[in-house]
């Protein structure tokens, strides 16, 4: 009888450890999936990718949707160079931490080297803006993620963090395309000068 109890106890122990190991493996796999989602989001923003790419990796809560106004200052979560919503200029980013809260929610901490942010000259019209130097070597941002339709999304994203080098390249090309001394050329030239002066 004692031997039977011993084998039953061993069987339960093996079952428990096997289940625990499986759960840990699943959590590790999901944490990797979250990390990849964050990396994709950060790279899209950093590289100034197409606006459609950004929409593919973000979601908005009902509250945030109600607050957003199309083509106004509050519509700042998706960056597009053509409309110049508020954005932050950075030189690098580093994903510091990923936390899986439950099967459908996670958080991530990303550190950026920030050098500037954009400011509207009028407070309303983001076609008329300038850069303000704003250096912070360890700008820590917390991202919230949600799992929907078999995919992780960044929920209610903060203002975009865009690469300084990418922006410089963009405005250098713009200067080549625009007619010299036109308003478009002058704006691009001022912006490029500001970008190159950032340390």
C-alpha atoms as a PDB file:
ATOM      1  CA  UNK A   1       0.000   0.000   0.000  1.00  0.00           C
ATOM      2  CA  UNK A   2       2.804   2.395   0.913  1.00  0.00           C
ATOM      3  CA  UNK A   3       4.509   1.647  -2.399  1.00  0.00           C
ATOM      4  CA  UNK A   4       1.295   2.425  -4.267  1.00  0.00           C
ATOM      5  CA  UNK A   5       0.947   5.777  -2.482  1.00  0.00           C
ATOM      6  CA  UNK A   6       4.559   6.509  -3.343  1.00  0.00           C
ATOM      7  CA  UNK A   7       3.996   5.925  -7.071  1.00  0.00           C
ATOM      8  CA  UNK A   8       0.780   7.969  -7.012  1.00  0.00           C
ATOM      9  CA  UNK A   9       2.665  10.844  -5.382  1.00  0.00           C
ATOM     10  CA  UNK A  10       5.415  10.593  -7.993  1.00  0.00           C
ATOM     11  CA  UNK A  11       2.825  10.600 -10.785  1.00  0.00           C
ATOM     12  CA  UNK A  12       1.163  13.764  -9.425  1.00  0.00           C
ATOM     13  CA  UNK A  13       4.567  15.433  -9.031  1.00  0.00           C
ATOM     14  CA  UNK A  14       5.537  14.657 -12.623  1.00  0.00           C
ATOM     15  CA  UNK A  15       2.168  15.856 -13.890  1.00  0.00           C
ATOM     16  CA  UNK A  16       2.490  19.117 -11.944  1.00  0.00           C
ATOM     17  CA  UNK A  17       6.044  19.829 -13.070  1.00  0.00           C
ATOM     18  CA  UNK A  18       5.162  18.987 -16.657  1.00  0.00           C
ATOM     19  CA  UNK A  19       2.196  21.392 -16.581  1.00  0.00           C
ATOM     20  CA  UNK A  20       4.295  24.099 -14.943  1.00  0.00           C
ATOM     21  CA  UNK A  21       7.058  23.674 -17.518  1.00  0.00           C
ATOM     22  CA  UNK A  22       4.504  23.864 -20.324  1.00  0.00           C
ATOM     23  CA  UNK A  23       3.001  27.043 -18.849  1.00  0.00           C
ATOM     24  CA  UNK A  24       6.437  28.619 -18.531  1.00  0.00           C
ATOM     25  CA  UNK A  25       7.233  27.719 -22.138  1.00  0.00           C
ATOM     26  CA  UNK A  26       3.943  29.227 -23.312  1.00  0.00           C
ATOM     27  CA  UNK A  27       4.609  32.424 -21.342  1.00  0.00           C
ATOM     28  CA  UNK A  28       8.104  32.608 -22.786  1.00  0.00           C
ATOM     29  CA  UNK A  29       6.740  32.240 -26.297  1.00  0.00           C
ATOM     30  CA  UNK A  30       4.114  34.935 -25.739  1.00  0.00           C
ATOM     31  CA  UNK A  31       6.696  37.280 -24.196  1.00  0.00           C
ATOM     32  CA  UNK A  32       8.775  36.843 -27.356  1.00  0.00           C
ATOM     33  CA  UNK A  33       5.722  37.651 -29.462  1.00  0.00           C
ATOM     34  CA  UNK A  34       5.120  40.819 -27.421  1.00  0.00           C
ATOM     35  CA  UNK A  35       8.780  41.813 -27.762  1.00  0.00           C
ATOM     36  CA  UNK A  36       8.584  41.344 -31.537  1.00  0.00           C
ATOM     37  CA  UNK A  37       5.431  43.480 -31.707  1.00  0.00           C
ATOM     38  CA  UNK A  38       7.154  46.258 -29.769  1.00  0.00           C
ATOM     39  CA  UNK A  39      10.253  46.025 -31.964  1.00  0.00           C
ATOM     40  CA  UNK A  40       8.110  46.256 -35.106  1.00  0.00           C
ATOM     41  CA  UNK A  41       6.228  49.272 -33.736  1.00  0.00           C
ATOM     42  CA  UNK A  42       9.410  51.089 -32.659  1.00  0.00           C
ATOM     43  CA  UNK A  43      11.165  50.461 -35.966  1.00  0.00           C
ATOM     44  CA  UNK A  44       8.193  51.635 -38.010  1.00  0.00           C
ATOM     45  CA  UNK A  45       8.085  54.892 -36.074  1.00  0.00           C
ATOM     46  CA  UNK A  46      11.864  55.315 -35.987  1.00  0.00           C
ATOM     47  CA  UNK A  47      12.228  54.757 -39.740  1.00  0.00           C
ATOM     48  CA  UNK A  48       9.339  57.060 -40.649  1.00  0.00           C
ATOM     49  CA  UNK A  49       7.574  54.278 -42.547  1.00  0.00           C
ATOM     50  CA  UNK A  50       4.335  54.697 -44.460  1.00  0.00           C
ATOM     51  CA  UNK A  51       1.289  55.665 -42.433  1.00  0.00           C
ATOM     52  CA  UNK A  52      -0.422  52.399 -43.440  1.00  0.00           C
ATOM     53  CA  UNK A  53       2.365  50.470 -41.705  1.00  0.00           C
ATOM     54  CA  UNK A  54       1.633  52.292 -38.467  1.00  0.00           C
ATOM     55  CA  UNK A  55      -2.078  51.587 -38.601  1.00  0.00           C
ATOM     56  CA  UNK A  56      -1.227  47.883 -38.880  1.00  0.00           C
ATOM     57  CA  UNK A  57       0.443  47.790 -35.442  1.00  0.00           C
ATOM     58  CA  UNK A  58      -1.713  50.073 -33.274  1.00  0.00           C
ATOM     59  CA  UNK A  59      -5.206  50.093 -31.764  1.00  0.00           C
ATOM     60  CA  UNK A  60      -7.268  52.758 -30.041  1.00  0.00           C
ATOM     61  CA  UNK A  61      -9.512  52.350 -27.019  1.00  0.00           C
ATOM     62  CA  UNK A  62     -13.067  53.691 -27.245  1.00  0.00           C
ATOM     63  CA  UNK A  63     -12.089  56.588 -24.980  1.00  0.00           C
ATOM     64  CA  UNK A  64      -9.134  57.503 -27.168  1.00  0.00           C
ATOM     65  CA  UNK A  65     -11.256  57.216 -30.319  1.00  0.00           C
ATOM     66  CA  UNK A  66     -13.750  59.670 -28.832  1.00  0.00           C
ATOM     67  CA  UNK A  67     -10.945  62.126 -28.048  1.00  0.00           C
ATOM     68  CA  UNK A  68      -9.313  61.948 -31.454  1.00  0.00           C
ATOM     69  CA  UNK A  69     -10.209  64.529 -34.079  1.00  0.00           C
ATOM     70  CA  UNK A  70      -9.177  63.777 -37.626  1.00  0.00           C
ATOM     71  CA  UNK A  71      -6.425  66.059 -38.964  1.00  0.00           C
ATOM     72  CA  UNK A  72      -6.236  68.072 -35.746  1.00  0.00           C
ATOM     73  CA  UNK A  73      -3.683  68.215 -32.952  1.00  0.00           C
ATOM     74  CA  UNK A  74      -5.286  65.356 -31.007  1.00  0.00           C
ATOM     75  CA  UNK A  75      -4.797  63.058 -34.001  1.00  0.00           C
ATOM     76  CA  UNK A  76      -1.110  62.757 -33.185  1.00  0.00           C
ATOM     77  CA  UNK A  77      -0.600  59.042 -32.599  1.00  0.00           C
ATOM     78  CA  UNK A  78       0.157  58.197 -36.231  1.00  0.00           C
ATOM     79  CA  UNK A  79       2.981  60.199 -37.732  1.00  0.00           C
ATOM     80  CA  UNK A  80       3.026  61.241 -41.376  1.00  0.00           C
ATOM     81  CA  UNK A  81       5.615  63.643 -42.717  1.00  0.00           C
ATOM     82  CA  UNK A  82       3.092  65.208 -45.047  1.00  0.00           C
ATOM     83  CA  UNK A  83       0.873  66.570 -42.293  1.00  0.00           C
ATOM     84  CA  UNK A  84       3.358  67.120 -39.436  1.00  0.00           C
ATOM     85  CA  UNK A  85       1.384  66.046 -36.429  1.00  0.00           C
ATOM     86  CA  UNK A  86       3.317  66.503 -33.169  1.00  0.00           C
ATOM     87  CA  UNK A  87       6.331  64.232 -32.970  1.00  0.00           C
ATOM     88  CA  UNK A  88       9.580  63.720 -31.053  1.00  0.00           C
ATOM     89  CA  UNK A  89      13.024  63.496 -32.649  1.00  0.00           C
ATOM     90  CA  UNK A  90      15.272  60.719 -31.319  1.00  0.00           C
ATOM     91  CA  UNK A  91      18.617  59.173 -32.199  1.00  0.00           C
ATOM     92  CA  UNK A  92      18.114  55.637 -30.851  1.00  0.00           C
ATOM     93  CA  UNK A  93      15.799  53.363 -28.876  1.00  0.00           C
ATOM     94  CA  UNK A  94      16.255  50.367 -26.598  1.00  0.00           C
ATOM     95  CA  UNK A  95      13.519  47.953 -25.496  1.00  0.00           C
ATOM     96  CA  UNK A  96      14.304  47.585 -21.789  1.00  0.00           C
ATOM     97  CA  UNK A  97      11.485  45.412 -20.474  1.00  0.00           C
ATOM     98  CA  UNK A  98       8.479  43.401 -21.632  1.00  0.00           C
ATOM     99  CA  UNK A  99       5.837  42.214 -19.143  1.00  0.00           C
ATOM    100  CA  UNK A 100       3.018  39.812 -19.977  1.00  0.00           C
ATOM    101  CA  UNK A 101       0.177  40.807 -17.622  1.00  0.00           C
ATOM    102  CA  UNK A 102      -2.352  38.219 -18.817  1.00  0.00           C
ATOM    103  CA  UNK A 103      -3.166  36.429 -22.100  1.00  0.00           C
ATOM    104  CA  UNK A 104      -4.513  39.626 -23.711  1.00  0.00           C
ATOM    105  CA  UNK A 105      -2.597  42.503 -22.092  1.00  0.00           C
ATOM    106  CA  UNK A 106       1.088  43.372 -21.805  1.00  0.00           C
ATOM    107  CA  UNK A 107       3.372  46.344 -21.198  1.00  0.00           C
ATOM    108  CA  UNK A 108       6.803  47.311 -22.465  1.00  0.00           C
ATOM    109  CA  UNK A 109       9.340  49.930 -21.416  1.00  0.00           C
ATOM    110  CA  UNK A 110      11.351  51.564 -24.187  1.00  0.00           C
ATOM    111  CA  UNK A 111      14.201  54.016 -23.608  1.00  0.00           C
ATOM    112  CA  UNK A 112      14.863  56.671 -26.252  1.00  0.00           C
ATOM    113  CA  UNK A 113      17.662  59.178 -26.731  1.00  0.00           C
ATOM    114  CA  UNK A 114      15.539  62.267 -27.324  1.00  0.00           C
ATOM    115  CA  UNK A 115      16.937  65.421 -28.938  1.00  0.00           C
ATOM    116  CA  UNK A 116      13.907  67.578 -29.860  1.00  0.00           C
ATOM    117  CA  UNK A 117      10.141  67.836 -30.232  1.00  0.00           C
ATOM    118  CA  UNK A 118       7.924  69.686 -32.676  1.00  0.00           C
ATOM    119  CA  UNK A 119       5.834  72.689 -31.647  1.00  0.00           C
ATOM    120  CA  UNK A 120       3.072  74.383 -33.608  1.00  0.00           C
ATOM    121  CA  UNK A 121       3.669  78.107 -34.169  1.00  0.00           C
ATOM    122  CA  UNK A 122      -0.048  78.815 -33.860  1.00  0.00           C
ATOM    123  CA  UNK A 123      -1.109  76.039 -31.478  1.00  0.00           C
ATOM    124  CA  UNK A 124      -3.599  74.760 -34.058  1.00  0.00           C
ATOM    125  CA  UNK A 125      -2.167  74.534 -37.574  1.00  0.00           C
ATOM    126  CA  UNK A 126       0.492  71.799 -37.724  1.00  0.00           C
ATOM    127  CA  UNK A 127       1.541  72.817 -41.213  1.00  0.00           C
ATOM    128  CA  UNK A 128       3.296  75.718 -39.477  1.00  0.00           C
ATOM    129  CA  UNK A 129       5.678  74.339 -36.871  1.00  0.00           C
ATOM    130  CA  UNK A 130       9.256  74.365 -35.652  1.00  0.00           C
ATOM    131  CA  UNK A 131      11.605  72.148 -33.639  1.00  0.00           C
ATOM    132  CA  UNK A 132      12.606  72.791 -30.040  1.00  0.00           C
ATOM    133  CA  UNK A 133      15.820  71.219 -28.723  1.00  0.00           C
ATOM    134  CA  UNK A 134      14.859  68.931 -25.858  1.00  0.00           C
ATOM    135  CA  UNK A 135      17.681  66.523 -25.038  1.00  0.00           C
ATOM    136  CA  UNK A 136      17.085  63.576 -22.721  1.00  0.00           C
ATOM    137  CA  UNK A 137      19.423  60.589 -22.926  1.00  0.00           C
ATOM    138  CA  UNK A 138      17.112  58.117 -21.231  1.00  0.00           C
ATOM    139  CA  UNK A 139      13.532  59.039 -22.119  1.00  0.00           C
ATOM    140  CA  UNK A 140      11.663  56.026 -20.724  1.00  0.00           C
ATOM    141  CA  UNK A 141       8.256  55.385 -22.319  1.00  0.00           C
ATOM    142  CA  UNK A 142       5.743  52.734 -21.237  1.00  0.00           C
ATOM    143  CA  UNK A 143       3.732  51.090 -24.009  1.00  0.00           C
ATOM    144  CA  UNK A 144       0.496  49.194 -23.419  1.00  0.00           C
ATOM    145  CA  UNK A 145      -0.291  46.255 -25.686  1.00  0.00           C
ATOM    146  CA  UNK A 146      -3.463  44.308 -26.395  1.00  0.00           C
ATOM    147  CA  UNK A 147      -3.923  40.918 -28.071  1.00  0.00           C
ATOM    148  CA  UNK A 148      -6.671  40.839 -30.709  1.00  0.00           C
ATOM    149  CA  UNK A 149      -7.281  38.629 -33.737  1.00  0.00           C
ATOM    150  CA  UNK A 150      -4.201  36.508 -33.012  1.00  0.00           C
ATOM    151  CA  UNK A 151      -1.888  39.531 -32.951  1.00  0.00           C
ATOM    152  CA  UNK A 152      -0.369  41.990 -30.460  1.00  0.00           C
ATOM    153  CA  UNK A 153      -1.029  45.725 -30.967  1.00  0.00           C
ATOM    154  CA  UNK A 154       0.248  48.843 -29.202  1.00  0.00           C
ATOM    155  CA  UNK A 155      -2.814  50.354 -27.526  1.00  0.00           C
ATOM    156  CA  UNK A 156      -3.314  54.150 -27.481  1.00  0.00           C
ATOM    157  CA  UNK A 157       0.250  54.919 -28.623  1.00  0.00           C
ATOM    158  CA  UNK A 158       2.133  58.026 -27.451  1.00  0.00           C
ATOM    159  CA  UNK A 159       3.387  60.727 -29.863  1.00  0.00           C
ATOM    160  CA  UNK A 160       5.727  59.150 -32.424  1.00  0.00           C
ATOM    161  CA  UNK A 161       9.490  58.996 -31.899  1.00  0.00           C
ATOM    162  CA  UNK A 162      11.202  59.605 -35.263  1.00  0.00           C
ATOM    163  CA  UNK A 163      14.863  59.149 -36.217  1.00  0.00           C
ATOM    164  CA  UNK A 164      16.868  62.349 -36.596  1.00  0.00           C
ATOM    165  CA  UNK A 165      18.897  60.815 -39.449  1.00  0.00           C
ATOM    166  CA  UNK A 166      15.750  59.727 -41.286  1.00  0.00           C
ATOM    167  CA  UNK A 167      14.318  63.249 -41.028  1.00  0.00           C
ATOM    168  CA  UNK A 168      17.549  64.791 -42.276  1.00  0.00           C
ATOM    169  CA  UNK A 169      17.484  62.473 -45.289  1.00  0.00           C
ATOM    170  CA  UNK A 170      13.845  63.302 -45.961  1.00  0.00           C
ATOM    171  CA  UNK A 171      14.402  67.074 -45.968  1.00  0.00           C
ATOM    172  CA  UNK A 172      17.578  66.818 -48.024  1.00  0.00           C
ATOM    173  CA  UNK A 173      15.556  65.038 -50.725  1.00  0.00           C
ATOM    174  CA  UNK A 174      12.764  67.596 -50.384  1.00  0.00           C
ATOM    175  CA  UNK A 175      15.210  70.442 -51.029  1.00  0.00           C
ATOM    176  CA  UNK A 176      16.336  68.734 -54.239  1.00  0.00           C
ATOM    177  CA  UNK A 177      12.748  68.437 -55.461  1.00  0.00           C
ATOM    178  CA  UNK A 178      11.377  71.857 -54.444  1.00  0.00           C
ATOM    179  CA  UNK A 179      11.967  75.027 -56.426  1.00  0.00           C
ATOM    180  CA  UNK A 180      14.572  77.220 -54.711  1.00  0.00           C
ATOM    181  CA  UNK A 181      13.332  80.115 -52.541  1.00  0.00           C
ATOM    182  CA  UNK A 182       9.691  79.034 -52.650  1.00  0.00           C
ATOM    183  CA  UNK A 183       7.795  78.801 -49.311  1.00  0.00           C
ATOM    184  CA  UNK A 184       8.103  75.003 -49.432  1.00  0.00           C
ATOM    185  CA  UNK A 185      11.854  75.161 -50.045  1.00  0.00           C
ATOM    186  CA  UNK A 186      12.369  77.769 -47.310  1.00  0.00           C
ATOM    187  CA  UNK A 187      10.436  75.710 -44.728  1.00  0.00           C
ATOM    188  CA  UNK A 188      12.380  72.585 -45.610  1.00  0.00           C
ATOM    189  CA  UNK A 189      15.685  74.446 -45.438  1.00  0.00           C
ATOM    190  CA  UNK A 190      14.884  75.891 -41.993  1.00  0.00           C
ATOM    191  CA  UNK A 191      13.871  72.465 -40.715  1.00  0.00           C
ATOM    192  CA  UNK A 192      16.987  70.809 -42.116  1.00  0.00           C
ATOM    193  CA  UNK A 193      19.204  73.448 -40.503  1.00  0.00           C
ATOM    194  CA  UNK A 194      17.454  72.867 -37.159  1.00  0.00           C
ATOM    195  CA  UNK A 195      17.824  69.096 -37.433  1.00  0.00           C
ATOM    196  CA  UNK A 196      21.530  69.257 -38.237  1.00  0.00           C
ATOM    197  CA  UNK A 197      22.155  71.526 -35.255  1.00  0.00           C
ATOM    198  CA  UNK A 198      20.655  69.073 -32.763  1.00  0.00           C
ATOM    199  CA  UNK A 199      23.137  67.351 -30.470  1.00  0.00           C
END
